[in-house]
Amino acid sequence: MRTMSIQFADLTFPSPTAESLNAAFGAVSTLLDEGHRTEALARFDAERRAYDSWASMVALRFSQDTTSPQARTDRDLADRLTPLVTELEVAIKRRLLDDRAGLATAVGTHTVRLWETDITTFDPRIRAALEEEARLGADYTALLAAARVTVQGQTVNLSGLAPFAEHPDRAVRYEAEKARWDFFATNGPELDRIYDQLVQVRHGMARTLGYDNYIPLGYRRMRRVDYGPEDVARFREDVLAHVVPLVGAIMENRRLTMNWDRLHFWDESLIDPLGNPKPAGGHDLLLERAQTMFDRMGGDLGTFYRQMVEGGFLDLRNREGKAGGGFCTAFPTVGMPFIFANFNGTQHDITVFTHEMGHAYQNWKSRDLPGIDLLWPTMDAAEIHSMALEFLTWPQIDLMVEDGLADRFRRMHLIGSLSFLPYGVCVDHFQHEVYANPGMTAAERHETWQRLEKLYLPWRDYGDLSWPAAGGRWQAQGHIYRSPFYYIDYTLALCCAMQFWLHSRADQAGAMAVYADLCALGGSQPFTGLVDAAGLISPFRQGTLADIVQEADRFLHLR
């Protein structure tokens, strides 16, 4: 295995051009022409790793400073070149798939299935549409990153609203949410325009490729080779049947505990009636204590984290111009991931950090698997690694939260996880309806969200926050704009992650061993295969979610 010796600050990846890319992938074709398939596969993998490393760095730099002209120029270049790279890759995959049996021997049957899916998602005729899709996604990111709102006399970006949105004072929470949704109301027409264009671009691509609408193309772009929309629809029904009633009871319990006449939207983020437990300290203290936490968890998790810190592969502070949210990216030519987040002094600093560490650890554990297609699993499986680590850190979480509040943090985390499930399937259902009916007007999309929100989150009451009350809540969910159909993944994975939670309560060391083994499998199998390999029960199996919810209900002692 490779050892970590490089510093992030030293990483440089040559900027490609259309000419250099054509030449690089042309060399792969030449090797195939000469009958050298083994050499061609090695060169193909190397060229893909090189481009992905450069593109990952470009996307990261843009997220780190959306105001930088150079970062935007590089991002625009990547947006133009990526469709070309996709075209070049698909052409080579088509050639290699002419001998499926021989290819399966060389790269494995799962990679063959992935490539068979990939070649159905691209045609040179949609290159311009892919560039436009990327441009529109960047416009959305930049618009939200530029937001400045004032709350309690302070001007903050959207990430900086979090401490106020969770404030124990109800009036402060309301002020924070009003500031947030005033921004979205002001920019609503532009956000509607961007999304409408994205829907039309994606629908047009689907029609060009021979699909009735974007839904089947969206599933193929997510590389879902082992389940389809019907399976997901059944899972949404399970959430509606088993989770929505429990979360409704949680919300009603909170209302009664706080002696509120009504529970409003701005009350949902205050999970703990005594105030959501906060981190033990700021950025530096959390990084230091995280080292102790991961060391205590055993295995090589602590070793890996030390390499991340010493190599500078973390960017966790919130600052001006930085894109919101958190993510993990990686540079496959060096075998090292990078974590991006926005610490804001709330419990989210802990959950987002441990979540992204799960992604990073998986990528590091599988870094030596043969073939770039195996380094990451599909996103449904990838989110198991991230969400499971959130739960597996529970025994050591006292290091990360305020003194004496570990039990309250664990309870808050479980309630937050359960409460996420209805919202997650609502986001998914909304996208299915939008792409099944691409001719919807902006008003009809808002009406659709409003209807589905009442189905999956019937307790939600926006009060006088007129924009989300009229169906505009979805515009704050970046996945809907930038990563269509990438959201049910979180809910499916959470169903699996909570099984790790149950396992760890009986055998923490055993659960960690299974977790590490699952991470090492990377993307060598599809979602359902990885679930089976870890001894987990598929979220698609009837009764799985009901059993988990029953255990969570017992833990919380609410009913």
Protein backbone atom coordinates (compact mmCIF):
# COMPACT_ATOMS: atom_id res chain seq x y z
CA MET A 1 0.00 0.00 0.00
CA ARG A 2 1.05 3.56 -0.66
CA THR A 3 2.05 5.66 2.33
CA MET A 4 1.13 9.27 2.80
CA SER A 5 4.08 11.58 2.34
CA ILE A 6 2.75 14.33 0.11
CA GLN A 7 1.31 17.62 1.30
CA PHE A 8 -1.91 18.93 -0.17
CA ALA A 9 -0.25 22.28 -0.74
CA ASP A 10 2.27 20.56 -3.03
CA LEU A 11 -0.35 18.94 -5.27
CA THR A 12 -0.40 20.17 -8.83
CA PHE A 13 -2.20 18.59 -11.74
CA PRO A 14 -1.47 19.67 -15.31
CA SER A 15 -4.32 21.57 -16.90
CA PRO A 16 -5.49 19.60 -19.95
CA THR A 17 -6.68 20.89 -23.28
CA ALA A 18 -9.00 19.36 -25.83
CA GLU A 19 -5.95 18.54 -27.92
CA SER A 20 -4.05 16.86 -25.09
CA LEU A 21 -7.10 14.83 -24.10
CA ASN A 22 -7.72 13.66 -27.65
CA ALA A 23 -4.09 12.63 -27.87
CA ALA A 24 -4.11 10.83 -24.51
CA PHE A 25 -7.22 8.80 -25.17
CA GLY A 26 -6.16 8.35 -28.78
CA ALA A 27 -3.10 6.52 -27.48
CA VAL A 28 -5.44 4.07 -25.75
CA SER A 29 -7.26 3.47 -29.03
CA THR A 30 -3.95 2.88 -30.77
CA LEU A 31 -3.04 0.21 -28.23
CA LEU A 32 -6.38 -1.48 -28.88
CA ASP A 33 -5.79 -1.27 -32.64
CA GLU A 34 -2.51 -3.11 -32.08
CA GLY A 35 -4.19 -5.81 -30.00
CA HIS A 36 -2.63 -4.77 -26.67
CA ARG A 37 -5.72 -4.84 -24.47
CA THR A 38 -3.88 -5.19 -21.16
CA GLU A 39 -1.70 -2.19 -21.90
CA ALA A 40 -4.70 -0.27 -23.22
CA LEU A 41 -6.65 -0.89 -20.02
CA ALA A 42 -3.73 0.30 -17.90
CA ARG A 43 -3.31 3.47 -19.98
CA PHE A 44 -7.07 4.08 -19.98
CA ASP A 45 -7.17 3.87 -16.20
CA ALA A 46 -4.16 6.17 -15.83
CA GLU A 47 -5.62 8.83 -18.12
CA ARG A 48 -8.96 8.75 -16.30
CA ARG A 49 -7.21 9.10 -12.93
CA ALA A 50 -5.20 12.06 -14.21
CA TYR A 51 -8.25 13.89 -15.50
CA ASP A 52 -10.34 13.14 -12.41
CA SER A 53 -7.57 14.42 -10.12
CA TRP A 54 -7.36 17.70 -12.04
CA ALA A 55 -11.15 18.10 -12.22
CA SER A 56 -11.51 17.35 -8.49
CA MET A 57 -8.95 20.01 -7.65
CA VAL A 58 -10.69 22.55 -9.90
CA ALA A 59 -14.08 21.88 -8.30
CA LEU A 60 -12.54 22.09 -4.84
CA ARG A 61 -10.77 25.38 -5.54
CA PHE A 62 -14.01 26.90 -6.82
CA SER A 63 -15.86 25.76 -3.69
CA GLN A 64 -13.12 27.20 -1.50
CA ASP A 65 -13.48 30.63 -3.11
CA THR A 66 -16.43 31.18 -5.43
CA THR A 67 -15.36 34.84 -5.85
CA SER A 68 -11.98 33.99 -7.39
CA PRO A 69 -11.86 34.84 -11.12
CA GLN A 70 -9.18 32.19 -11.67
CA ALA A 71 -11.20 29.52 -9.87
CA ARG A 72 -14.23 30.38 -11.98
CA THR A 73 -12.16 30.33 -15.19
CA ASP A 74 -10.78 26.90 -14.30
CA ARG A 75 -14.25 25.67 -13.40
CA ASP A 76 -15.58 26.88 -16.76
CA LEU A 77 -12.76 25.02 -18.49
CA ALA A 78 -13.63 21.83 -16.62
CA ASP A 79 -17.30 22.29 -17.53
CA ARG A 80 -16.30 22.47 -21.20
CA LEU A 81 -13.83 19.60 -21.14
CA THR A 82 -15.76 17.06 -19.06
CA PRO A 83 -18.33 16.29 -21.80
CA LEU A 84 -15.41 15.72 -24.20
CA VAL A 85 -13.77 13.35 -21.74
CA THR A 86 -17.07 11.53 -21.31
CA GLU A 87 -17.31 11.16 -25.09
CA LEU A 88 -13.75 9.82 -25.32
CA GLU A 89 -14.28 7.42 -22.42
CA VAL A 90 -17.57 6.10 -23.79
CA ALA A 91 -16.01 5.45 -27.19
CA ILE A 92 -13.25 3.34 -25.60
CA LYS A 93 -15.69 1.54 -23.33
CA ARG A 94 -17.78 0.62 -26.37
CA ARG A 95 -14.74 -0.90 -28.04
CA LEU A 96 -13.74 -2.83 -24.96
CA LEU A 97 -17.28 -4.12 -24.48
CA ASP A 98 -17.17 -5.80 -27.88
CA ASP A 99 -15.51 -8.68 -26.01
CA ARG A 100 -17.53 -8.76 -22.81
CA ALA A 101 -16.29 -12.13 -21.63
CA GLY A 102 -12.63 -11.21 -22.05
CA LEU A 103 -13.22 -7.79 -20.50
CA ALA A 104 -14.94 -9.33 -17.46
CA THR A 105 -11.86 -11.50 -16.91
CA ALA A 106 -9.65 -8.42 -17.05
CA VAL A 107 -11.66 -5.91 -14.99
CA GLY A 108 -14.42 -7.90 -13.26
CA THR A 109 -18.12 -8.34 -13.96
CA HIS A 110 -19.20 -5.34 -11.89
CA THR A 111 -17.03 -2.93 -13.87
CA VAL A 112 -18.49 -4.41 -17.05
CA ARG A 113 -22.00 -3.71 -15.76
CA LEU A 114 -21.03 -0.15 -14.90
CA TRP A 115 -19.58 0.43 -18.35
CA GLU A 116 -22.62 -1.11 -20.00
CA THR A 117 -24.66 1.47 -18.13
CA ASP A 118 -22.28 4.33 -18.90
CA ILE A 119 -22.48 3.89 -22.66
CA THR A 120 -26.25 4.39 -22.53
CA THR A 121 -25.89 7.82 -20.90
CA PHE A 122 -23.90 9.65 -23.55
CA ASP A 123 -23.96 10.55 -27.22
CA PRO A 124 -21.91 13.30 -28.90
CA ARG A 125 -25.19 15.05 -29.63
CA ILE A 126 -25.64 15.94 -25.94
CA ARG A 127 -22.18 17.41 -25.36
CA ALA A 128 -23.42 20.99 -25.50
CA ALA A 129 -26.29 20.11 -23.15
CA LEU A 130 -23.86 18.66 -20.61
CA GLU A 131 -21.82 21.86 -20.71
CA GLU A 132 -24.98 23.90 -20.16
CA GLU A 133 -26.04 21.67 -17.27
CA ALA A 134 -22.69 22.21 -15.57
CA ARG A 135 -22.86 25.97 -16.13
CA LEU A 136 -26.32 26.21 -14.61
CA GLY A 137 -25.23 24.17 -11.60
CA ALA A 138 -22.30 26.53 -11.05
CA ASP A 139 -24.66 29.51 -11.29
CA TYR A 140 -26.77 28.03 -8.49
CA THR A 141 -23.70 27.44 -6.31
CA ALA A 142 -22.40 30.96 -6.86
CA LEU A 143 -25.79 32.57 -6.19
CA LEU A 144 -26.18 30.88 -2.82
CA ALA A 145 -22.52 31.41 -1.87
CA ALA A 146 -22.97 35.16 -2.46
CA ALA A 147 -25.91 35.38 -0.03
CA ARG A 148 -25.48 37.80 2.86
CA VAL A 149 -28.19 38.05 5.50
CA THR A 150 -28.42 39.92 8.77
CA VAL A 151 -29.51 38.34 12.04
CA GLN A 152 -29.03 39.73 15.56
CA GLY A 153 -27.09 42.60 14.07
CA GLN A 154 -24.57 40.28 12.39
CA THR A 155 -24.15 39.81 8.65
CA VAL A 156 -23.46 36.18 7.75
CA ASN A 157 -23.61 33.81 4.81
CA LEU A 158 -26.18 31.00 4.70
CA SER A 159 -23.85 28.59 6.51
CA GLY A 160 -23.38 31.19 9.22
CA LEU A 161 -27.10 31.17 9.97
CA ALA A 162 -26.90 27.76 11.66
CA PRO A 163 -26.09 28.92 15.22
CA PHE A 164 -29.03 31.32 15.13
CA ALA A 165 -31.37 28.75 13.59
CA GLU A 166 -30.67 26.44 16.55
CA HIS A 167 -30.67 29.14 19.22
CA PRO A 168 -32.58 28.29 22.41
CA ASP A 169 -34.45 31.61 22.10
CA ARG A 170 -37.45 31.04 19.86
CA ALA A 171 -37.45 34.63 18.64
CA VAL A 172 -33.85 34.32 17.44
CA ARG A 173 -34.65 31.11 15.56
CA TYR A 174 -37.56 32.84 13.86
CA GLU A 175 -35.39 35.82 12.94
CA ALA A 176 -32.81 33.49 11.40
CA GLU A 177 -35.36 31.63 9.31
CA LYS A 178 -37.03 34.84 8.22
CA ALA A 179 -33.67 36.17 7.04
CA ARG A 180 -32.99 32.93 5.18
CA TRP A 181 -36.32 32.78 3.40
CA ASP A 182 -36.38 36.49 2.61
CA PHE A 183 -33.21 35.81 0.61
CA PHE A 184 -34.88 32.94 -1.22
CA ALA A 185 -38.04 34.96 -1.84
CA THR A 186 -35.94 37.76 -3.34
CA ASN A 187 -34.00 35.35 -5.52
CA GLY A 188 -36.89 32.95 -6.13
CA PRO A 189 -37.55 33.97 -9.75
CA GLU A 190 -33.87 33.45 -10.64
CA LEU A 191 -33.79 30.11 -8.83
CA ASP A 192 -36.94 29.08 -10.69
CA ARG A 193 -35.33 30.10 -13.98
CA ILE A 194 -32.16 28.13 -13.29
CA TYR A 195 -34.10 25.02 -12.31
CA ASP A 196 -36.50 25.23 -15.23
CA GLN A 197 -33.56 25.40 -17.61
CA LEU A 198 -31.92 22.43 -15.86
CA VAL A 199 -35.11 20.37 -16.19
CA GLN A 200 -35.43 21.23 -19.87
CA VAL A 201 -31.77 20.50 -20.56
CA ARG A 202 -31.98 17.13 -18.82
CA HIS A 203 -35.27 16.21 -20.47
CA GLY A 204 -33.79 17.14 -23.84
CA MET A 205 -30.76 14.92 -23.22
CA ALA A 206 -33.02 12.03 -22.29
CA ARG A 207 -35.14 12.40 -25.40
CA THR A 208 -32.03 12.61 -27.59
CA LEU A 209 -30.80 9.35 -26.07
CA GLY A 210 -34.13 7.62 -26.68
CA TYR A 211 -35.72 7.77 -23.22
CA ASP A 212 -39.27 8.97 -22.57
CA ASN A 213 -38.08 11.32 -19.84
CA TYR A 214 -35.08 11.98 -17.63
CA ILE A 215 -35.92 9.46 -14.88
CA PRO A 216 -34.34 6.35 -16.48
CA LEU A 217 -31.36 8.40 -17.67
CA GLY A 218 -30.98 9.86 -14.18
CA TYR A 219 -30.84 6.40 -12.65
CA ARG A 220 -28.26 5.30 -15.20
CA ARG A 221 -26.13 8.37 -14.60
CA MET A 222 -26.16 7.40 -10.91
CA ARG A 223 -24.97 3.94 -12.07
CA ARG A 224 -27.82 2.13 -10.33
CA VAL A 225 -27.49 -1.32 -11.86
CA ASP A 226 -29.39 -3.34 -9.24
CA TYR A 227 -32.67 -1.51 -8.52
CA GLY A 228 -35.07 0.93 -10.13
CA PRO A 229 -37.80 3.53 -9.49
CA GLU A 230 -40.33 0.90 -8.44
CA ASP A 231 -38.06 -0.30 -5.62
CA VAL A 232 -37.49 3.27 -4.49
CA ALA A 233 -41.23 3.99 -4.55
CA ARG A 234 -41.85 1.03 -2.24
CA PHE A 235 -39.16 2.28 0.12
CA ARG A 236 -40.80 5.71 0.20
CA GLU A 237 -44.05 3.99 1.16
CA ASP A 238 -42.25 2.20 4.01
CA VAL A 239 -40.97 5.54 5.30
CA LEU A 240 -44.47 6.95 5.10
CA ALA A 241 -45.93 3.98 6.96
CA HIS A 242 -43.30 3.47 9.67
CA VAL A 243 -41.17 6.59 10.11
CA VAL A 244 -43.60 9.46 9.58
CA PRO A 245 -45.79 8.44 12.55
CA LEU A 246 -42.76 8.17 14.86
CA VAL A 247 -41.37 11.54 13.79
CA GLY A 248 -44.82 13.03 14.18
CA ALA A 249 -44.87 11.73 17.76
CA ILE A 250 -41.39 13.18 18.34
CA MET A 251 -42.55 16.60 17.14
CA GLU A 252 -45.69 16.48 19.27
CA ASN A 253 -43.65 15.44 22.30
CA ARG A 254 -41.41 18.45 21.73
CA ARG A 255 -44.40 20.78 21.45
CA LEU A 256 -45.84 19.51 24.71
CA THR A 257 -42.48 19.58 26.50
CA MET A 258 -41.94 23.20 25.50
CA ASN A 259 -45.56 24.14 26.20
CA TRP A 260 -45.98 25.64 22.74
CA ASP A 261 -49.43 26.18 21.30
CA ARG A 262 -48.07 25.20 17.87
CA LEU A 263 -44.77 23.82 16.64
CA HIS A 264 -43.41 25.97 13.83
CA PHE A 265 -40.77 25.26 11.25
CA TRP A 266 -38.21 27.30 13.18
CA ASP A 267 -38.78 25.01 16.17
CA GLU A 268 -37.82 21.82 14.33
CA SER A 269 -34.10 22.54 14.50
CA LEU A 270 -34.18 22.80 18.31
CA ILE A 271 -34.14 19.04 18.85
CA ASP A 272 -33.11 19.19 22.51
CA PRO A 273 -35.55 21.23 24.63
CA LEU A 274 -32.63 22.30 26.84
CA GLY A 275 -30.71 23.53 23.80
CA ASN A 276 -28.88 21.45 21.22
CA PRO A 277 -25.51 20.32 22.63
CA LYS A 278 -22.68 22.26 21.04
CA PRO A 279 -19.14 21.23 20.13
CA ALA A 280 -16.58 21.12 22.93
CA GLY A 281 -14.73 24.00 21.34
CA GLY A 282 -13.61 25.58 18.12
CA HIS A 283 -11.85 24.26 15.04
CA ASP A 284 -8.43 23.53 16.58
CA LEU A 285 -9.76 21.80 19.67
CA LEU A 286 -12.12 19.61 17.64
CA LEU A 287 -9.32 18.50 15.33
CA GLU A 288 -7.14 17.65 18.30
CA ARG A 289 -9.84 15.71 20.10
CA ALA A 290 -10.88 13.93 16.92
CA GLN A 291 -7.41 12.38 16.84
CA THR A 292 -7.95 10.90 20.30
CA MET A 293 -11.41 9.73 19.32
CA PHE A 294 -10.28 7.93 16.17
CA ASP A 295 -7.26 6.43 17.93
CA ARG A 296 -9.53 4.97 20.59
CA MET A 297 -11.82 3.45 17.96
CA GLY A 298 -9.06 1.08 16.93
CA GLY A 299 -7.79 -0.23 13.62
CA ASP A 300 -6.16 2.21 11.24
CA LEU A 301 -8.76 4.97 11.47
CA GLY A 302 -6.52 7.05 13.74
CA THR A 303 -3.51 6.55 11.48
CA PHE A 304 -5.48 7.69 8.47
CA TYR A 305 -6.84 10.77 10.22
CA ARG A 306 -3.34 11.77 11.34
CA GLN A 307 -2.25 11.67 7.69
CA MET A 308 -5.20 13.86 6.73
CA VAL A 309 -4.28 16.49 9.32
CA GLU A 310 -0.53 16.44 8.76
CA GLY A 311 -0.99 16.54 5.00
CA GLY A 312 -3.39 19.47 5.10
CA PHE A 313 -6.27 17.56 3.51
CA LEU A 314 -8.94 19.37 5.54
CA ASP A 315 -10.70 22.71 4.99
CA LEU A 316 -13.31 23.07 7.72
CA ARG A 317 -13.56 26.77 8.62
CA ASN A 318 -16.46 28.87 7.35
CA ARG A 319 -15.38 32.07 5.56
CA GLU A 320 -16.43 34.70 3.06
CA GLY A 321 -16.80 33.47 -0.51
CA LYS A 322 -16.69 29.80 0.45
CA ALA A 323 -19.44 27.58 -0.94
CA GLY A 324 -21.85 26.19 1.62
CA GLY A 325 -22.20 22.61 2.81
CA GLY A 326 -19.67 19.84 3.16
CA PHE A 327 -18.27 17.14 0.92
CA CYS A 328 -15.40 14.75 0.42
CA THR A 329 -13.44 14.62 -2.80
CA ALA A 330 -10.33 12.70 -3.81
CA PHE A 331 -7.34 12.72 -6.12
CA PRO A 332 -6.98 9.20 -7.52
CA THR A 333 -3.45 9.71 -8.79
CA VAL A 334 -2.21 10.18 -5.20
CA GLY A 335 -4.73 8.03 -3.32
CA MET A 336 -5.70 10.67 -0.79
CA PRO A 337 -9.12 12.25 -0.12
CA PHE A 338 -9.94 15.79 1.00
CA ILE A 339 -12.69 16.98 3.38
CA PHE A 340 -14.46 20.30 2.83
CA ALA A 341 -16.89 21.72 5.45
CA ASN A 342 -18.06 24.92 7.11
CA PHE A 343 -17.75 24.84 10.89
CA ASN A 344 -20.26 27.19 12.50
CA GLY A 345 -20.21 26.32 16.20
CA THR A 346 -23.23 24.01 16.16
CA GLN A 347 -23.68 20.27 16.51
CA HIS A 348 -23.46 20.08 12.72
CA ASP A 349 -19.71 20.64 13.02
CA ILE A 350 -19.51 17.19 14.60
CA THR A 351 -22.00 15.34 12.42
CA VAL A 352 -20.79 16.78 9.11
CA PHE A 353 -17.17 16.15 10.06
CA THR A 354 -17.71 12.51 11.09
CA HIS A 355 -19.94 12.02 8.04
CA GLU A 356 -17.30 13.24 5.59
CA MET A 357 -14.62 11.32 7.49
CA GLY A 358 -16.59 8.17 6.70
CA HIS A 359 -16.39 8.96 2.99
CA ALA A 360 -12.71 9.79 3.25
CA TYR A 361 -11.84 6.64 5.21
CA GLN A 362 -13.62 4.44 2.68
CA ASN A 363 -11.80 6.05 -0.23
CA TRP A 364 -8.46 5.63 1.54
CA LYS A 365 -9.15 2.00 2.46
CA SER A 366 -9.99 1.12 -1.14
CA ARG A 367 -7.29 3.26 -2.77
CA ASP A 368 -5.30 0.26 -4.01
CA LEU A 369 -8.17 -1.56 -5.68
CA PRO A 370 -7.46 -2.15 -9.37
CA GLY A 371 -9.34 0.29 -11.57
CA ILE A 372 -10.70 3.77 -10.97
CA ASP A 373 -14.29 2.50 -11.14
CA LEU A 374 -13.77 0.61 -7.88
CA LEU A 375 -12.35 3.44 -5.77
CA TRP A 376 -15.79 4.83 -4.90
CA PRO A 377 -19.00 2.83 -4.70
CA THR A 378 -22.21 4.20 -6.11
CA MET A 379 -23.52 6.98 -3.89
CA ASP A 380 -26.20 4.88 -2.20
CA ALA A 381 -23.47 2.59 -0.82
CA ALA A 382 -21.03 5.46 -0.26
CA GLU A 383 -23.46 7.08 2.14
CA ILE A 384 -23.45 3.94 4.29
CA HIS A 385 -19.80 4.61 5.13
CA SER A 386 -20.45 8.23 6.03
CA MET A 387 -23.62 7.77 8.05
CA ALA A 388 -22.41 4.62 9.80
CA LEU A 389 -19.34 6.44 11.12
CA GLU A 390 -21.63 9.08 12.63
CA PHE A 391 -23.14 6.30 14.77
CA LEU A 392 -19.92 4.38 15.38
CA THR A 393 -18.34 7.44 17.03
CA TRP A 394 -21.06 7.47 19.71
CA PRO A 395 -18.97 5.74 22.45
CA GLN A 396 -16.26 8.43 22.13
CA ILE A 397 -18.46 11.40 21.31
CA ASP A 398 -17.98 12.90 24.78
CA LEU A 399 -14.64 14.15 23.45
CA MET A 400 -16.37 16.26 20.83
CA VAL A 401 -19.31 17.80 22.69
CA GLU A 402 -19.71 20.07 25.69
CA ASP A 403 -18.85 18.41 29.00
CA GLY A 404 -21.56 16.15 30.33
CA LEU A 405 -23.78 16.39 27.26
CA ALA A 406 -22.78 13.21 25.38
CA ASP A 407 -26.03 11.39 26.14
CA ARG A 408 -28.08 14.35 25.01
CA PHE A 409 -26.01 14.57 21.84
CA ARG A 410 -26.60 10.90 21.06
CA ARG A 411 -30.32 11.30 21.55
CA MET A 412 -30.34 14.43 19.41
CA HIS A 413 -28.40 12.67 16.68
CA LEU A 414 -30.82 9.74 16.58
CA ILE A 415 -33.85 12.02 16.48
CA GLY A 416 -32.23 14.09 13.73
CA SER A 417 -31.51 10.95 11.71
CA LEU A 418 -35.06 9.69 12.01
CA SER A 419 -36.46 13.13 11.18
CA PHE A 420 -34.31 13.25 8.06
CA LEU A 421 -35.91 10.18 6.49
CA PRO A 422 -39.30 11.77 5.65
CA TYR A 423 -37.60 14.85 4.23
CA GLY A 424 -35.20 12.73 2.20
CA VAL A 425 -37.93 10.71 0.51
CA CYS A 426 -39.91 13.91 -0.08
CA VAL A 427 -36.95 15.33 -2.04
CA ASP A 428 -36.78 12.13 -4.07
CA HIS A 429 -40.51 11.95 -4.76
CA PHE A 430 -40.51 15.60 -5.85
CA GLN A 431 -37.83 14.95 -8.44
CA HIS A 432 -39.67 11.93 -9.82
CA GLU A 433 -42.77 14.06 -10.33
CA VAL A 434 -40.84 16.95 -11.85
CA TYR A 435 -38.99 14.83 -14.40
CA ALA A 436 -42.10 12.79 -15.23
CA ASN A 437 -43.81 16.11 -16.01
CA PRO A 438 -41.08 18.37 -17.43
CA GLY A 439 -43.63 20.84 -18.75
CA MET A 440 -44.58 21.96 -15.24
CA THR A 441 -44.55 25.70 -14.67
CA ALA A 442 -42.62 27.14 -11.73
CA ALA A 443 -45.88 27.57 -9.85
CA GLU A 444 -46.81 23.93 -10.48
CA ARG A 445 -43.46 22.77 -9.12
CA HIS A 446 -44.02 24.77 -5.96
CA GLU A 447 -47.52 23.30 -5.65
CA THR A 448 -46.09 19.81 -6.11
CA TRP A 449 -43.55 20.33 -3.32
CA GLN A 450 -46.25 21.74 -1.08
CA ARG A 451 -48.46 18.69 -1.67
CA LEU A 452 -45.66 16.18 -1.04
CA GLU A 453 -44.44 18.06 2.01
CA LYS A 454 -47.91 17.74 3.54
CA LEU A 455 -47.77 13.99 2.84
CA TYR A 456 -44.33 13.23 4.28
CA LEU A 457 -43.99 16.05 6.84
CA PRO A 458 -47.56 16.70 7.96
CA TRP A 459 -46.44 18.47 11.14
CA ARG A 460 -44.62 21.24 9.25
CA ASP A 461 -46.00 24.73 9.86
CA TYR A 462 -44.17 27.68 8.29
CA GLY A 463 -46.25 30.32 10.03
CA ASP A 464 -45.78 33.63 8.22
CA LEU A 465 -42.68 32.52 6.30
CA SER A 466 -44.48 33.02 3.03
CA TRP A 467 -41.88 31.64 0.59
CA PRO A 468 -41.50 28.12 2.01
CA ALA A 469 -45.20 28.11 2.98
CA ALA A 470 -46.00 28.51 -0.71
CA GLY A 471 -43.80 25.54 -1.66
CA GLY A 472 -40.36 27.10 -2.02
CA ARG A 473 -38.47 25.05 0.58
CA TRP A 474 -36.91 22.78 -2.07
CA GLN A 475 -34.89 25.62 -3.58
CA ALA A 476 -32.46 25.48 -0.65
CA GLN A 477 -31.61 21.84 -1.43
CA GLY A 478 -28.61 21.96 -3.72
CA HIS A 479 -28.82 18.31 -4.73
CA ILE A 480 -32.07 19.03 -6.58
CA TYR A 481 -30.21 21.46 -8.81
CA ARG A 482 -26.74 19.95 -9.10
CA SER A 483 -27.17 16.21 -8.53
CA PRO A 484 -30.59 15.00 -9.70
CA PHE A 485 -31.84 11.84 -7.97
CA TYR A 486 -28.87 11.89 -5.58
CA TYR A 487 -30.88 12.07 -2.38
CA ILE A 488 -32.72 8.82 -1.86
CA ASP A 489 -29.17 7.48 -1.45
CA TYR A 490 -28.98 9.11 1.99
CA THR A 491 -32.19 7.49 3.16
CA LEU A 492 -31.29 4.02 1.87
CA ALA A 493 -27.86 4.32 3.45
CA LEU A 494 -29.30 5.58 6.73
CA CYS A 495 -31.39 2.42 6.93
CA CYS A 496 -28.11 0.48 6.71
CA ALA A 497 -26.15 2.82 8.98
CA MET A 498 -28.70 2.38 11.73
CA GLN A 499 -28.08 -1.36 11.51
CA PHE A 500 -24.44 -0.60 12.33
CA TRP A 501 -25.74 1.42 15.28
CA LEU A 502 -27.72 -1.58 16.53
CA HIS A 503 -24.71 -3.88 16.03
CA SER A 504 -22.37 -1.49 17.85
CA ARG A 505 -24.63 -1.32 20.89
CA ALA A 506 -24.02 -5.05 21.40
CA ASP A 507 -20.46 -5.30 20.02
CA GLN A 508 -18.63 -2.06 19.21
CA ALA A 509 -15.37 -3.75 18.19
CA GLY A 510 -17.19 -6.23 15.99
CA ALA A 511 -19.19 -3.48 14.31
CA MET A 512 -15.99 -1.51 13.64
CA ALA A 513 -14.33 -4.56 12.09
CA VAL A 514 -17.28 -5.11 9.75
CA TYR A 515 -17.28 -1.41 8.91
CA ALA A 516 -13.57 -1.37 8.03
CA ASP A 517 -14.00 -4.44 5.84
CA LEU A 518 -16.93 -2.81 4.04
CA CYS A 519 -14.88 0.32 3.42
CA ALA A 520 -12.06 -1.76 1.95
CA LEU A 521 -14.49 -3.24 -0.60
CA GLY A 522 -14.87 0.24 -2.11
CA GLY A 523 -17.01 0.08 -5.22
CA SER A 524 -16.23 -3.53 -6.10
CA GLN A 525 -19.93 -4.46 -5.94
CA PRO A 526 -23.26 -2.69 -6.49
CA PHE A 527 -25.29 -1.35 -3.58
CA THR A 528 -27.21 -4.53 -2.78
CA GLY A 529 -24.05 -6.63 -3.09
CA LEU A 530 -22.16 -4.46 -0.61
CA VAL A 531 -25.13 -4.55 1.77
CA ASP A 532 -25.07 -8.36 1.64
CA ALA A 533 -21.28 -8.47 2.05
CA ALA A 534 -21.56 -6.48 5.29
CA GLY A 535 -24.26 -8.79 6.65
CA LEU A 536 -26.84 -6.01 6.50
CA ILE A 537 -30.49 -6.36 5.56
CA SER A 538 -31.53 -4.58 2.37
CA PRO A 539 -33.68 -1.47 2.81
CA PHE A 540 -35.81 -2.83 -0.01
CA ARG A 541 -36.78 -5.92 1.99
CA GLN A 542 -40.19 -5.62 3.54
CA GLY A 543 -39.99 -5.11 7.30
CA THR A 544 -36.39 -3.87 7.46
CA LEU A 545 -37.31 -0.26 8.17
CA ALA A 546 -40.11 -1.23 10.55
CA ASP A 547 -37.70 -3.24 12.72
CA ILE A 548 -35.15 -0.42 12.88
CA VAL A 549 -37.80 2.15 13.75
CA GLN A 550 -39.12 -0.09 16.50
CA GLU A 551 -35.66 -0.28 18.08
CA ALA A 552 -35.19 3.47 17.80
CA ASP A 553 -38.59 4.05 19.38
CA ARG A 554 -37.64 1.86 22.32
CA PHE A 555 -34.36 3.73 22.75
CA LEU A 556 -36.10 7.12 22.82
CA HIS A 557 -38.93 6.07 25.21
CA LEU A 558 -41.36 8.49 23.65
CA ARG A 559 -44.44 6.32 23.22
